[in-house]
Amino acid sequence: MQWREHISVDPNVCHGQACIKGTRVMVSVVLDNLADGASREEILRDYPSLTDESIHAALAYAAELARERVVSLTA
């Protein structure tokens, strides 16, 4: 999966937040929906401009960010 083919960052769109290309749907919105337990089918229904590939790209983008950044967790 080449997430770069599906995700863009434009300072003039959504305040420069990562979005699914060709939409104003932020990657964080897709990830928040998945984290809240929404199925791919529910997300695709709620955001008809998305594709299954764009949801997969959002996950791949998040995985790459997780490899690059460490967040300390407190007990």
C-alpha atoms as a PDB file:
ATOM      1  CA  MET A   1       0.000   0.000   0.000  1.00  0.00           C
ATOM      2  CA  GLN A   2       1.406   3.329  -1.055  1.00  0.00           C
ATOM      3  CA  TRP A   3      -0.502   5.645   1.258  1.00  0.00           C
ATOM      4  CA  ARG A   4       1.077   8.688  -0.418  1.00  0.00           C
ATOM      5  CA  GLU A   5      -1.104   7.995  -3.458  1.00  0.00           C
ATOM      6  CA  HIS A   6      -4.230   8.542  -1.333  1.00  0.00           C
ATOM      7  CA  ILE A   7      -3.285  11.199   1.229  1.00  0.00           C
ATOM      8  CA  SER A   8      -2.362  14.835   0.758  1.00  0.00           C
ATOM      9  CA  VAL A   9      -1.437  17.792   2.905  1.00  0.00           C
ATOM     10  CA  ASP A  10      -2.327  21.223   1.564  1.00  0.00           C
ATOM     11  CA  PRO A  11      -2.077  24.315   3.772  1.00  0.00           C
ATOM     12  CA  ASN A  12      -5.215  25.654   2.039  1.00  0.00           C
ATOM     13  CA  VAL A  13      -7.326  22.570   2.813  1.00  0.00           C
ATOM     14  CA  CYS A  14      -8.463  21.690   6.349  1.00  0.00           C
ATOM     15  CA  HIS A  15      -5.767  23.911   7.884  1.00  0.00           C
ATOM     16  CA  GLY A  16      -3.000  21.735   6.468  1.00  0.00           C
ATOM     17  CA  GLN A  17      -4.180  18.534   8.133  1.00  0.00           C
ATOM     18  CA  ALA A  18      -3.633  15.255   6.278  1.00  0.00           C
ATOM     19  CA  CYS A  19      -6.702  14.518   4.126  1.00  0.00           C
ATOM     20  CA  ILE A  20      -7.802  11.844   1.736  1.00  0.00           C
ATOM     21  CA  LYS A  21      -6.850  13.177  -1.702  1.00  0.00           C
ATOM     22  CA  GLY A  22      -9.638  14.873  -3.574  1.00  0.00           C
ATOM     23  CA  THR A  23     -11.751  15.267  -0.425  1.00  0.00           C
ATOM     24  CA  ARG A  24     -11.903  17.368   2.696  1.00  0.00           C
ATOM     25  CA  VAL A  25     -12.093  14.251   4.852  1.00  0.00           C
ATOM     26  CA  MET A  26      -9.207  14.340   7.295  1.00  0.00           C
ATOM     27  CA  VAL A  27      -7.251  11.167   7.982  1.00  0.00           C
ATOM     28  CA  SER A  28      -7.887  11.755  11.680  1.00  0.00           C
ATOM     29  CA  VAL A  29     -11.654  11.547  11.057  1.00  0.00           C
ATOM     30  CA  VAL A  30     -11.252   8.150   9.400  1.00  0.00           C
ATOM     31  CA  LEU A  31      -9.024   6.930  12.232  1.00  0.00           C
ATOM     32  CA  ASP A  32     -11.357   8.305  14.922  1.00  0.00           C
ATOM     33  CA  ASN A  33     -14.262   6.442  13.326  1.00  0.00           C
ATOM     34  CA  LEU A  34     -12.282   3.199  13.239  1.00  0.00           C
ATOM     35  CA  ALA A  35     -11.157   3.704  16.847  1.00  0.00           C
ATOM     36  CA  ASP A  36     -14.784   4.222  17.869  1.00  0.00           C
ATOM     37  CA  GLY A  37     -15.665   0.849  16.347  1.00  0.00           C
ATOM     38  CA  ALA A  38     -17.196   1.962  13.056  1.00  0.00           C
ATOM     39  CA  SER A  39     -16.942  -0.624  10.313  1.00  0.00           C
ATOM     40  CA  ARG A  40     -15.449   0.148   6.907  1.00  0.00           C
ATOM     41  CA  GLU A  41     -18.950  -0.152   5.482  1.00  0.00           C
ATOM     42  CA  GLU A  42     -20.295   2.452   7.929  1.00  0.00           C
ATOM     43  CA  ILE A  43     -17.465   4.853   7.111  1.00  0.00           C
ATOM     44  CA  LEU A  44     -17.978   4.414   3.381  1.00  0.00           C
ATOM     45  CA  ARG A  45     -21.698   5.044   3.825  1.00  0.00           C
ATOM     46  CA  ASP A  46     -21.132   8.158   5.949  1.00  0.00           C
ATOM     47  CA  TYR A  47     -18.369   9.525   3.695  1.00  0.00           C
ATOM     48  CA  PRO A  48     -19.307   8.524   0.127  1.00  0.00           C
ATOM     49  CA  SER A  49     -16.238  10.265  -1.334  1.00  0.00           C
ATOM     50  CA  LEU A  50     -14.012   7.656   0.359  1.00  0.00           C
ATOM     51  CA  THR A  51     -12.999   4.264  -0.972  1.00  0.00           C
ATOM     52  CA  ASP A  52     -11.859   1.120   0.758  1.00  0.00           C
ATOM     53  CA  GLU A  53      -8.339   1.986  -0.451  1.00  0.00           C
ATOM     54  CA  SER A  54      -8.491   5.397   1.217  1.00  0.00           C
ATOM     55  CA  ILE A  55      -9.415   3.795   4.546  1.00  0.00           C
ATOM     56  CA  HIS A  56      -6.516   1.377   4.152  1.00  0.00           C
ATOM     57  CA  ALA A  57      -4.242   4.336   3.309  1.00  0.00           C
ATOM     58  CA  ALA A  58      -5.313   6.132   6.497  1.00  0.00           C
ATOM     59  CA  LEU A  59      -4.313   3.069   8.523  1.00  0.00           C
ATOM     60  CA  ALA A  60      -0.986   2.787   6.694  1.00  0.00           C
ATOM     61  CA  TYR A  61      -0.322   6.495   7.314  1.00  0.00           C
ATOM     62  CA  ALA A  62      -1.061   6.050  11.026  1.00  0.00           C
ATOM     63  CA  ALA A  63       1.230   3.015  11.181  1.00  0.00           C
ATOM     64  CA  GLU A  64       4.067   5.016   9.661  1.00  0.00           C
ATOM     65  CA  LEU A  65       3.531   7.857  12.117  1.00  0.00           C
ATOM     66  CA  ALA A  66       3.555   5.367  14.991  1.00  0.00           C
ATOM     67  CA  ARG A  67       6.966   4.095  13.877  1.00  0.00           C
ATOM     68  CA  GLU A  68       8.354   7.622  13.770  1.00  0.00           C
ATOM     69  CA  ARG A  69       7.039   9.008  17.026  1.00  0.00           C
ATOM     70  CA  VAL A  70       7.044   7.720  20.581  1.00  0.00           C
ATOM     71  CA  VAL A  71       4.388   8.884  23.003  1.00  0.00           C
ATOM     72  CA  SER A  72       5.196   8.262  26.648  1.00  0.00           C
ATOM     73  CA  LEU A  73       2.423   6.650  28.636  1.00  0.00           C
ATOM     74  CA  THR A  74       2.008   7.280  32.330  1.00  0.00           C
ATOM     75  CA  ALA A  75       0.719   4.657  34.712  1.00  0.00           C
END
